[in-house]
Amino acid sequence: MKHVVGIADMKISSVPDDIVVTHALGSCLGISAYDPIKHIGGIVHVMMPTSTLNPGKAKANPYMFIDTGIPAFFRELYEAGGVKRQLVVKVAGGANVHSVNGDRFAIGKKNYIMLRKIFWKNGVLIESSDVGGTCARTMYLDMSNGRVWLNSAGKDKEL
């Protein structure tokens, strides 16, 4: 079964036949985490770096922001049986899709910086990433083996 992760959303699975996918990772970040021992994993699609922009929205949907969505996502993974030290984490997105006009706000870059700060404070390592650039990406996670791949501009890339 295919589980589609929307913007400011996340999905977790432990079913080997499942594929978890998120589309339209422009300045947003997609973070996949997979426990290869327990075969539990998922993807979160976060939009903005900090919930201080709108605490009310963050309370209603923590997955909208890096600083609230990442901790919520990892708590869900742990509650589902994932083990922190076993998780394989991969990251994509953070693009400057408005490169023609310039990216005054640098949302993609700020998202990635905030993510790295949270991971550093919590001892989470990123195994691989495809961040930046100017193209949007689609991220896939195969629950049977933890394989993560991206599609951007019609081309697939292993992550």
Protein backbone atom coordinates (compact mmCIF):
# COMPACT_ATOMS: atom_id res chain seq x y z
CA MET A 1 0.00 0.00 0.00
CA LYS A 2 1.18 3.51 -0.76
CA HIS A 3 0.97 6.02 2.11
CA VAL A 4 1.08 9.61 0.90
CA VAL A 5 2.50 12.15 3.33
CA GLY A 6 1.00 15.58 2.74
CA ILE A 7 2.60 18.90 3.51
CA ALA A 8 2.88 19.36 7.29
CA ASP A 9 2.12 15.66 7.76
CA MET A 10 3.81 12.37 8.60
CA LYS A 11 3.18 8.67 8.16
CA ILE A 12 4.73 5.68 9.94
CA SER A 13 4.49 2.04 8.90
CA SER A 14 5.76 -1.39 9.84
CA VAL A 15 4.19 -3.24 6.90
CA PRO A 16 6.86 -4.59 4.51
CA ASP A 17 4.68 -4.12 1.40
CA ASP A 18 4.16 -0.41 2.09
CA ILE A 19 5.76 2.53 0.32
CA VAL A 20 5.71 5.90 2.09
CA VAL A 21 5.96 8.89 -0.25
CA THR A 22 5.91 12.66 0.00
CA HIS A 23 5.68 15.01 -2.97
CA ALA A 24 6.64 18.63 -3.64
CA LEU A 25 9.66 19.01 -1.38
CA GLY A 26 10.69 22.49 -2.43
CA SER A 27 11.88 24.60 0.48
CA CYS A 28 10.16 22.07 2.76
CA LEU A 29 12.16 19.16 4.18
CA GLY A 30 11.34 15.48 4.00
CA ILE A 31 12.93 13.38 6.70
CA SER A 32 12.82 9.60 6.51
CA ALA A 33 13.75 7.41 9.44
CA TYR A 34 13.88 3.62 9.30
CA ASP A 35 14.78 1.02 11.90
CA PRO A 36 16.25 -1.91 9.92
CA ILE A 37 15.99 -4.30 12.88
CA LYS A 38 12.35 -3.61 13.79
CA HIS A 39 11.32 -2.69 10.20
CA ILE A 40 9.53 0.44 11.38
CA GLY A 41 9.89 3.75 9.63
CA GLY A 42 8.25 6.75 8.12
CA ILE A 43 8.52 10.17 6.57
CA VAL A 44 7.68 13.61 7.91
CA HIS A 45 7.19 16.64 5.60
CA VAL A 46 7.85 19.91 7.44
CA MET A 47 7.41 23.43 6.06
CA MET A 48 8.94 26.11 8.26
CA PRO A 49 11.87 26.31 10.71
CA THR A 50 10.28 27.55 13.94
CA SER A 51 6.89 27.50 15.57
CA THR A 52 7.46 31.00 16.96
CA LEU A 53 5.99 32.19 13.64
CA ASN A 54 2.58 30.87 14.70
CA PRO A 55 2.33 28.97 18.01
CA GLY A 56 -1.38 28.36 17.48
CA LYS A 57 -0.78 26.54 14.20
CA ALA A 58 2.07 24.60 15.79
CA LYS A 59 -0.21 23.40 18.55
CA ALA A 60 -2.88 22.36 16.05
CA ASN A 61 -0.36 20.70 13.71
CA PRO A 62 3.19 20.29 15.03
CA TYR A 63 4.35 18.80 11.69
CA MET A 64 4.17 22.24 10.09
CA PHE A 65 7.38 23.34 11.82
CA ILE A 66 10.83 21.77 12.23
CA ASP A 67 11.14 22.57 15.95
CA THR A 68 7.82 20.91 16.84
CA GLY A 69 7.39 18.39 14.01
CA ILE A 70 10.71 16.59 14.29
CA PRO A 71 10.35 15.78 18.02
CA ALA A 72 6.71 14.71 17.47
CA PHE A 73 7.72 12.46 14.54
CA PHE A 74 10.50 10.76 16.49
CA ARG A 75 8.23 10.26 19.54
CA GLU A 76 5.73 8.49 17.25
CA LEU A 77 8.52 6.30 15.83
CA TYR A 78 9.68 5.33 19.33
CA GLU A 79 6.11 4.62 20.46
CA ALA A 80 5.70 2.35 17.41
CA GLY A 81 8.79 0.40 18.51
CA GLY A 82 11.63 2.12 16.65
CA VAL A 83 14.94 2.29 18.49
CA LYS A 84 16.87 5.57 18.32
CA ARG A 85 20.35 4.09 17.94
CA GLN A 86 19.14 1.85 15.08
CA LEU A 87 17.41 4.54 12.99
CA VAL A 88 18.76 5.31 9.54
CA VAL A 89 17.89 8.95 8.83
CA LYS A 90 17.84 10.58 5.40
CA VAL A 91 16.88 14.13 4.43
CA ALA A 92 15.78 15.83 1.21
CA GLY A 93 14.41 19.21 0.17
CA GLY A 94 15.42 22.63 1.39
CA ALA A 95 15.57 23.95 -2.17
CA ASN A 96 15.44 27.52 -3.39
CA VAL A 97 12.65 26.95 -5.91
CA HIS A 98 12.26 30.70 -6.45
CA SER A 99 15.82 31.15 -7.68
CA VAL A 100 14.74 33.36 -10.60
CA ASN A 101 13.59 36.09 -8.22
CA GLY A 102 16.05 35.29 -5.47
CA ASP A 103 15.12 33.76 -2.14
CA ARG A 104 15.12 36.70 0.25
CA PHE A 105 13.76 34.58 3.09
CA ALA A 106 16.02 31.52 2.49
CA ILE A 107 13.36 29.22 3.98
CA GLY A 108 14.96 26.02 2.65
CA LYS A 109 18.33 26.92 4.11
CA LYS A 110 16.80 27.96 7.45
CA ASN A 111 14.82 24.71 7.58
CA TYR A 112 17.97 22.65 7.15
CA ILE A 113 19.92 24.68 9.72
CA MET A 114 17.13 24.23 12.29
CA LEU A 115 16.96 20.49 11.55
CA ARG A 116 20.72 20.11 12.01
CA LYS A 117 20.56 21.96 15.36
CA ILE A 118 17.80 19.69 16.65
CA PHE A 119 19.60 16.56 15.45
CA TRP A 120 22.89 17.73 16.96
CA LYS A 121 21.27 18.39 20.36
CA ASN A 122 19.65 14.95 20.29
CA GLY A 123 22.53 12.90 18.92
CA VAL A 124 20.80 12.01 15.65
CA LEU A 125 23.04 11.45 12.63
CA ILE A 126 21.99 11.92 9.01
CA GLU A 127 23.17 9.01 6.88
CA SER A 128 22.58 10.81 3.57
CA SER A 129 20.91 13.91 2.23
CA ASP A 130 20.03 15.75 -0.94
CA VAL A 131 19.38 19.32 0.16
CA GLY A 132 19.43 22.69 -1.58
CA GLY A 133 19.49 23.40 -5.26
CA THR A 134 16.53 24.77 -7.17
CA CYS A 135 14.37 21.72 -7.98
CA ALA A 136 11.53 20.18 -6.02
CA ARG A 137 11.81 16.52 -5.06
CA THR A 138 9.57 13.55 -4.32
CA MET A 139 10.85 11.21 -1.58
CA TYR A 140 10.02 7.49 -1.31
CA LEU A 141 10.66 5.00 1.52
CA ASP A 142 10.34 1.27 0.81
CA MET A 143 9.29 -0.37 4.07
CA SER A 144 10.55 -3.82 3.02
CA ASN A 145 14.20 -2.78 3.13
CA GLY A 146 14.50 0.91 4.11
CA ARG A 147 15.52 1.99 0.62
CA VAL A 148 15.01 5.73 0.07
CA TRP A 149 15.00 7.31 -3.35
CA LEU A 150 14.10 10.66 -4.82
CA ASN A 151 12.51 11.75 -8.04
CA SER A 152 13.32 15.22 -9.34
CA ALA A 153 12.68 16.54 -12.84
CA GLY A 154 11.73 13.00 -13.95
CA LYS A 155 14.96 11.38 -12.73
CA ASP A 156 15.32 8.89 -9.88
CA LYS A 157 18.22 9.09 -7.44
CA GLU A 158 19.14 6.78 -4.56
CA LEU A 159 19.55 8.54 -1.25
